[in-house]
């Protein structure tokens, strides 16, 4: 099983969009496996980051990939929970 780990920087916002889209393309090329978003370094995220996470989910839905967010903490974790992201991602703080 393949695994892709995406590691956003301390500010996960629109400025990170291009890098994230490259990772989305990598994920779409995976026939099966797991995509983990490692948020250990993320101190700030905004609605564009939530949108990017939803986009990854929608683009890979048919592939049956396992999507998870790991190491989220503080403000980032609170925002993810308030956005109910655990409905589409496994959330493992």
C-alpha atoms as a PDB file:
ATOM      1  CA  UNK A   1       0.000   0.000   0.000  1.00  0.00           C
ATOM      2  CA  UNK A   2       1.338   3.403  -0.972  1.00  0.00           C
ATOM      3  CA  UNK A   3       1.564   6.284   1.472  1.00  0.00           C
ATOM      4  CA  UNK A   4       1.840  10.002   0.809  1.00  0.00           C
ATOM      5  CA  UNK A   5       2.580  12.431   3.629  1.00  0.00           C
ATOM      6  CA  UNK A   6       1.780  16.108   3.069  1.00  0.00           C
ATOM      7  CA  UNK A   7       3.443  18.449   5.549  1.00  0.00           C
ATOM      8  CA  UNK A   8       2.142  22.033   5.450  1.00  0.00           C
ATOM      9  CA  UNK A   9       4.222  24.867   6.880  1.00  0.00           C
ATOM     10  CA  UNK A  10       3.379  26.825  10.034  1.00  0.00           C
ATOM     11  CA  UNK A  11       0.856  28.943   8.084  1.00  0.00           C
ATOM     12  CA  UNK A  12      -1.464  26.650   6.141  1.00  0.00           C
ATOM     13  CA  UNK A  13      -3.307  29.194   4.022  1.00  0.00           C
ATOM     14  CA  UNK A  14      -3.739  30.179   0.374  1.00  0.00           C
ATOM     15  CA  UNK A  15      -0.022  30.881   0.009  1.00  0.00           C
ATOM     16  CA  UNK A  16       0.480  27.106   0.279  1.00  0.00           C
ATOM     17  CA  UNK A  17      -2.066  26.377  -2.495  1.00  0.00           C
ATOM     18  CA  UNK A  18       0.376  25.562  -5.300  1.00  0.00           C
ATOM     19  CA  UNK A  19       2.361  23.076  -3.221  1.00  0.00           C
ATOM     20  CA  UNK A  20      -0.833  21.476  -1.955  1.00  0.00           C
ATOM     21  CA  UNK A  21      -2.187  21.088  -5.500  1.00  0.00           C
ATOM     22  CA  UNK A  22       1.013  19.284  -6.502  1.00  0.00           C
ATOM     23  CA  UNK A  23       0.412  16.872  -3.623  1.00  0.00           C
ATOM     24  CA  UNK A  24      -3.206  16.415  -4.755  1.00  0.00           C
ATOM     25  CA  UNK A  25      -1.920  15.400  -8.190  1.00  0.00           C
ATOM     26  CA  UNK A  26       0.422  12.856  -6.557  1.00  0.00           C
ATOM     27  CA  UNK A  27      -2.472  11.454  -4.536  1.00  0.00           C
ATOM     28  CA  UNK A  28      -4.656  11.136  -7.630  1.00  0.00           C
ATOM     29  CA  UNK A  29      -1.928   9.042  -9.255  1.00  0.00           C
ATOM     30  CA  UNK A  30      -2.023   6.524  -6.392  1.00  0.00           C
ATOM     31  CA  UNK A  31      -4.144   3.457  -7.185  1.00  0.00           C
ATOM     32  CA  UNK A  32      -4.702   2.832  -3.472  1.00  0.00           C
ATOM     33  CA  UNK A  33      -3.163   3.721  -0.158  1.00  0.00           C
ATOM     34  CA  UNK A  34      -3.172   6.424   2.473  1.00  0.00           C
ATOM     35  CA  UNK A  35      -2.695  10.163   2.389  1.00  0.00           C
ATOM     36  CA  UNK A  36      -1.671  11.734   5.685  1.00  0.00           C
ATOM     37  CA  UNK A  37      -1.657  15.447   6.363  1.00  0.00           C
ATOM     38  CA  UNK A  38       0.982  15.971   9.074  1.00  0.00           C
ATOM     39  CA  UNK A  39       0.052  19.203  10.818  1.00  0.00           C
ATOM     40  CA  UNK A  40       2.731  19.124  13.511  1.00  0.00           C
ATOM     41  CA  UNK A  41       4.233  22.430  12.331  1.00  0.00           C
ATOM     42  CA  UNK A  42       0.913  24.167  11.602  1.00  0.00           C
ATOM     43  CA  UNK A  43       0.204  27.039  13.967  1.00  0.00           C
ATOM     44  CA  UNK A  44      -2.351  28.813  11.770  1.00  0.00           C
ATOM     45  CA  UNK A  45      -4.839  27.763   9.146  1.00  0.00           C
ATOM     46  CA  UNK A  46      -7.738  29.514   7.512  1.00  0.00           C
ATOM     47  CA  UNK A  47     -10.790  28.720   5.421  1.00  0.00           C
ATOM     48  CA  UNK A  48      -8.685  28.245   2.285  1.00  0.00           C
ATOM     49  CA  UNK A  49      -6.836  25.414   4.051  1.00  0.00           C
ATOM     50  CA  UNK A  50     -10.162  23.778   4.933  1.00  0.00           C
ATOM     51  CA  UNK A  51     -11.158  24.196   1.290  1.00  0.00           C
ATOM     52  CA  UNK A  52      -7.958  22.515   0.119  1.00  0.00           C
ATOM     53  CA  UNK A  53      -8.597  19.570   2.457  1.00  0.00           C
ATOM     54  CA  UNK A  54     -12.138  19.211   1.088  1.00  0.00           C
ATOM     55  CA  UNK A  55     -10.791  19.432  -2.474  1.00  0.00           C
ATOM     56  CA  UNK A  56      -8.338  16.586  -1.795  1.00  0.00           C
ATOM     57  CA  UNK A  57     -11.210  14.513  -0.423  1.00  0.00           C
ATOM     58  CA  UNK A  58     -13.429  15.185  -3.448  1.00  0.00           C
ATOM     59  CA  UNK A  59     -10.677  14.547  -5.983  1.00  0.00           C
ATOM     60  CA  UNK A  60      -9.669  11.206  -4.440  1.00  0.00           C
ATOM     61  CA  UNK A  61     -13.078   9.949  -3.287  1.00  0.00           C
ATOM     62  CA  UNK A  62     -13.483   7.375  -6.069  1.00  0.00           C
ATOM     63  CA  UNK A  63     -10.048   5.895  -5.412  1.00  0.00           C
ATOM     64  CA  UNK A  64     -10.946   4.811  -1.901  1.00  0.00           C
ATOM     65  CA  UNK A  65      -7.821   6.324  -0.382  1.00  0.00           C
ATOM     66  CA  UNK A  66      -7.632   6.559   3.388  1.00  0.00           C
ATOM     67  CA  UNK A  67      -7.259  10.221   4.346  1.00  0.00           C
ATOM     68  CA  UNK A  68      -5.987  11.223   7.764  1.00  0.00           C
ATOM     69  CA  UNK A  69      -4.789  14.296   9.603  1.00  0.00           C
ATOM     70  CA  UNK A  70      -2.114  13.674  12.194  1.00  0.00           C
ATOM     71  CA  UNK A  71      -0.401  15.773  14.850  1.00  0.00           C
ATOM     72  CA  UNK A  72      -2.872  18.684  14.742  1.00  0.00           C
ATOM     73  CA  UNK A  73      -2.837  20.733  17.922  1.00  0.00           C
ATOM     74  CA  UNK A  74      -3.959  24.026  19.448  1.00  0.00           C
ATOM     75  CA  UNK A  75      -5.746  26.495  17.193  1.00  0.00           C
ATOM     76  CA  UNK A  76      -5.387  24.232  14.144  1.00  0.00           C
ATOM     77  CA  UNK A  77      -7.053  21.310  15.903  1.00  0.00           C
ATOM     78  CA  UNK A  78      -9.844  23.516  17.254  1.00  0.00           C
ATOM     79  CA  UNK A  79     -10.592  24.897  13.780  1.00  0.00           C
ATOM     80  CA  UNK A  80     -10.574  21.440  12.189  1.00  0.00           C
ATOM     81  CA  UNK A  81     -13.022  20.185  14.797  1.00  0.00           C
ATOM     82  CA  UNK A  82     -15.308  23.200  14.406  1.00  0.00           C
ATOM     83  CA  UNK A  83     -15.335  22.571  10.641  1.00  0.00           C
ATOM     84  CA  UNK A  84     -16.309  18.903  11.328  1.00  0.00           C
ATOM     85  CA  UNK A  85     -13.380  17.730   9.209  1.00  0.00           C
ATOM     86  CA  UNK A  86     -13.468  14.368  11.005  1.00  0.00           C
ATOM     87  CA  UNK A  87     -16.487  13.521   8.839  1.00  0.00           C
ATOM     88  CA  UNK A  88     -14.165  13.070   5.850  1.00  0.00           C
ATOM     89  CA  UNK A  89     -10.716  12.567   7.438  1.00  0.00           C
ATOM     90  CA  UNK A  90      -9.485  10.382  10.241  1.00  0.00           C
ATOM     91  CA  UNK A  91      -8.364  12.922  12.828  1.00  0.00           C
ATOM     92  CA  UNK A  92      -5.445  11.709  14.954  1.00  0.00           C
ATOM     93  CA  UNK A  93      -4.106  14.642  16.993  1.00  0.00           C
END
